[in-house]
Protein backbone atom coordinates (compact mmCIF):
# COMPACT_ATOMS: atom_id res chain seq x y z
CA MET A 1 0.01 -0.02 -0.06
CA GLU A 2 1.30 3.43 -0.92
CA ALA A 3 1.40 6.00 1.92
CA THR A 4 0.27 9.56 1.28
CA LEU A 5 1.12 12.64 3.31
CA GLN A 6 -1.37 15.04 4.84
CA LEU A 7 -0.27 18.00 6.87
CA THR A 8 -2.64 18.84 9.70
CA ILE A 9 -2.63 22.22 11.36
CA ASP A 10 -4.59 22.73 14.57
CA CYS A 11 -6.47 26.02 14.59
CA ALA A 12 -9.41 27.99 15.94
CA ASP A 13 -10.78 29.13 12.60
CA PRO A 14 -10.31 26.74 9.69
CA GLN A 15 -11.94 28.93 7.09
CA ARG A 16 -9.58 31.86 7.88
CA LEU A 17 -6.56 29.62 7.44
CA VAL A 18 -7.99 27.97 4.30
CA ALA A 19 -8.24 31.44 2.70
CA PHE A 20 -4.73 32.52 3.92
CA TRP A 21 -2.81 29.39 3.04
CA SER A 22 -4.61 28.97 -0.35
CA GLU A 23 -3.19 32.39 -1.23
CA ALA A 24 0.24 31.77 0.26
CA LEU A 25 0.76 28.34 -1.38
CA GLY A 26 -1.29 28.65 -4.58
CA TYR A 27 -3.51 25.83 -3.34
CA VAL A 28 -7.34 25.69 -3.69
CA PRO A 29 -10.00 24.86 -1.07
CA GLU A 30 -10.75 21.15 -1.37
CA PRO A 31 -14.33 20.52 -2.57
CA PRO A 32 -16.38 17.92 -0.85
CA PRO A 33 -16.18 14.44 -2.46
CA GLY A 34 -18.74 12.52 -4.44
CA GLY A 35 -21.06 15.40 -5.37
CA HIS A 36 -21.91 16.24 -1.74
CA ALA A 37 -22.90 19.86 -1.12
CA THR A 38 -20.72 20.15 1.96
CA TRP A 39 -18.08 18.18 3.81
CA ARG A 40 -20.61 17.83 6.68
CA ASP A 41 -23.03 16.16 4.26
CA TYR A 42 -20.20 13.79 3.20
CA TRP A 43 -19.24 12.94 6.83
CA ALA A 44 -22.90 12.39 7.65
CA ASP A 45 -23.23 9.91 4.74
CA ALA A 46 -20.00 8.23 5.98
CA GLY A 47 -21.66 7.63 9.30
CA LEU A 48 -20.35 10.37 11.58
CA SER A 49 -22.95 11.52 14.12
CA GLU A 50 -23.75 15.16 14.87
CA GLU A 51 -22.16 14.64 18.33
CA GLU A 52 -18.84 13.92 16.62
CA LEU A 53 -18.83 17.14 14.74
CA PRO A 54 -18.33 20.64 16.22
CA PRO A 55 -21.02 23.21 15.30
CA GLY A 56 -20.35 24.47 11.80
CA ALA A 57 -17.70 21.87 11.02
CA GLY A 58 -17.66 20.93 7.40
CA GLU A 59 -20.10 23.62 6.24
CA ALA A 60 -17.19 25.27 4.35
CA PRO A 61 -13.94 23.64 3.19
CA GLU A 62 -11.45 23.00 6.03
CA SER A 63 -8.68 21.62 3.77
CA ILE A 64 -6.72 22.75 0.76
CA VAL A 65 -5.08 20.89 -2.07
CA ASP A 66 -2.53 21.55 -4.74
CA PRO A 67 -4.34 22.05 -8.00
CA ALA A 68 -1.52 20.08 -9.78
CA GLY A 69 -1.97 17.17 -7.34
CA GLN A 70 1.75 16.99 -6.51
CA ARG A 71 2.02 18.59 -2.97
CA PRO A 72 0.33 17.26 0.16
CA ARG A 73 -3.23 18.01 1.27
CA ILE A 74 -3.39 20.35 4.23
CA TRP A 75 -6.25 20.07 6.72
CA PHE A 76 -7.01 22.81 9.21
CA GLN A 77 -8.41 20.93 12.21
CA GLN A 78 -10.58 23.06 14.62
CA VAL A 79 -9.49 22.54 18.21
CA PRO A 80 -10.73 24.31 21.33
CA GLU A 81 -7.41 25.35 22.84
CA ALA A 82 -5.41 28.43 21.69
CA LYS A 83 -1.87 28.20 20.35
CA ALA A 84 0.38 28.46 23.38
CA THR A 85 3.98 28.09 22.30
CA LYS A 86 6.37 28.28 19.30
CA ASN A 87 5.69 25.75 16.57
CA ARG A 88 7.79 22.58 16.71
CA VAL A 89 7.16 22.08 12.92
CA HIS A 90 6.67 24.93 10.40
CA LEU A 91 6.37 25.46 6.75
CA ASP A 92 9.11 26.95 4.60
CA LEU A 93 8.01 28.66 1.33
CA LYS A 94 11.11 28.19 -0.78
CA VAL A 95 10.76 30.74 -3.54
CA GLY A 96 14.31 32.02 -3.92
CA GLY A 97 15.54 29.38 -6.25
CA GLY A 98 18.56 28.07 -4.27
CA ARG A 99 22.22 29.02 -3.98
CA ASP A 100 22.76 28.89 -7.75
CA VAL A 101 20.57 32.07 -8.02
CA PRO A 102 22.27 35.32 -7.17
CA LEU A 103 21.41 36.68 -3.69
CA THR A 104 19.93 39.83 -5.12
CA VAL A 105 17.48 37.81 -7.21
CA ARG A 106 16.63 35.51 -4.29
CA THR A 107 16.03 38.57 -2.09
CA GLN A 108 13.68 40.05 -4.67
CA ARG A 109 11.71 36.85 -4.96
CA VAL A 110 11.44 36.42 -1.14
CA THR A 111 10.44 40.08 -0.79
CA ALA A 112 7.74 39.77 -3.45
CA THR A 113 6.26 36.68 -1.70
CA VAL A 114 6.47 38.32 1.76
CA GLU A 115 4.51 41.32 0.36
CA ARG A 116 1.87 39.02 -1.06
CA VAL A 117 1.38 36.95 2.10
CA THR A 118 1.37 40.07 4.33
CA ARG A 119 -1.47 41.50 2.21
CA ALA A 120 -3.22 38.14 2.89
CA GLY A 121 -2.82 38.42 6.64
CA ALA A 122 0.71 37.36 7.64
CA THR A 123 2.84 39.34 10.03
CA VAL A 124 6.62 39.68 9.72
CA LEU A 125 8.55 38.52 12.82
CA ARG A 126 12.13 39.02 11.63
CA ILE A 127 14.33 39.24 8.57
CA MET A 128 17.28 36.79 8.37
CA ASN A 129 19.85 38.88 6.45
CA GLU A 130 23.28 38.57 8.15
CA PRO A 131 26.03 40.56 6.43
CA GLY A 132 28.55 38.32 4.66
CA ILE A 133 26.25 35.31 4.63
CA ASP A 134 24.80 34.14 1.26
CA HIS A 135 21.22 33.73 2.73
CA TYR A 136 18.02 35.82 2.86
CA ALA A 137 14.87 34.69 4.54
CA VAL A 138 11.92 36.17 6.41
CA VAL A 139 10.16 34.59 9.41
CA LEU A 140 6.43 35.36 9.61
CA ARG A 141 3.19 34.37 11.36
CA ASP A 142 0.02 33.35 9.64
CA PRO A 143 -3.33 34.88 10.87
CA GLU A 144 -3.39 32.52 13.92
CA GLY A 145 0.18 32.98 14.92
CA ASN A 146 1.73 29.92 13.33
CA GLU A 147 5.35 30.60 12.37
CA PHE A 148 6.61 29.98 8.82
CA CYS A 149 9.52 31.10 6.66
CA VAL A 150 9.90 32.48 3.16
CA ALA A 151 13.37 31.79 1.81
């Protein structure tokens, strides 16, 4: 059996993160399967009871997918507790092109992406741009405070 990878992000507001990360990654909200009107309808048909689903769960997409089908599905799982500490796992949006690309070009690519994701709701935490080091990256937070990097 072939394994697949799904990234799950705990959050308070799945729809907010679906909108943000769709924009940040070029993903699309995942439509409900099998012609169902909503994911909630799909889950009900699969046998989940109303008691198993939080109010409003599945009424709008809570996951996003790569339209090309190459990158992993990301599910934004609603949880009751707030984020309390720094992420132990985070996403890196690698847009610079690697060390074969001149630092000025990588910096321009990173800056353009940072501008786009901040318009979508991200907040810049710090810029990693040490003099004499051939690296440029920006650490940000998504709308719920989850850290990620653009490099």
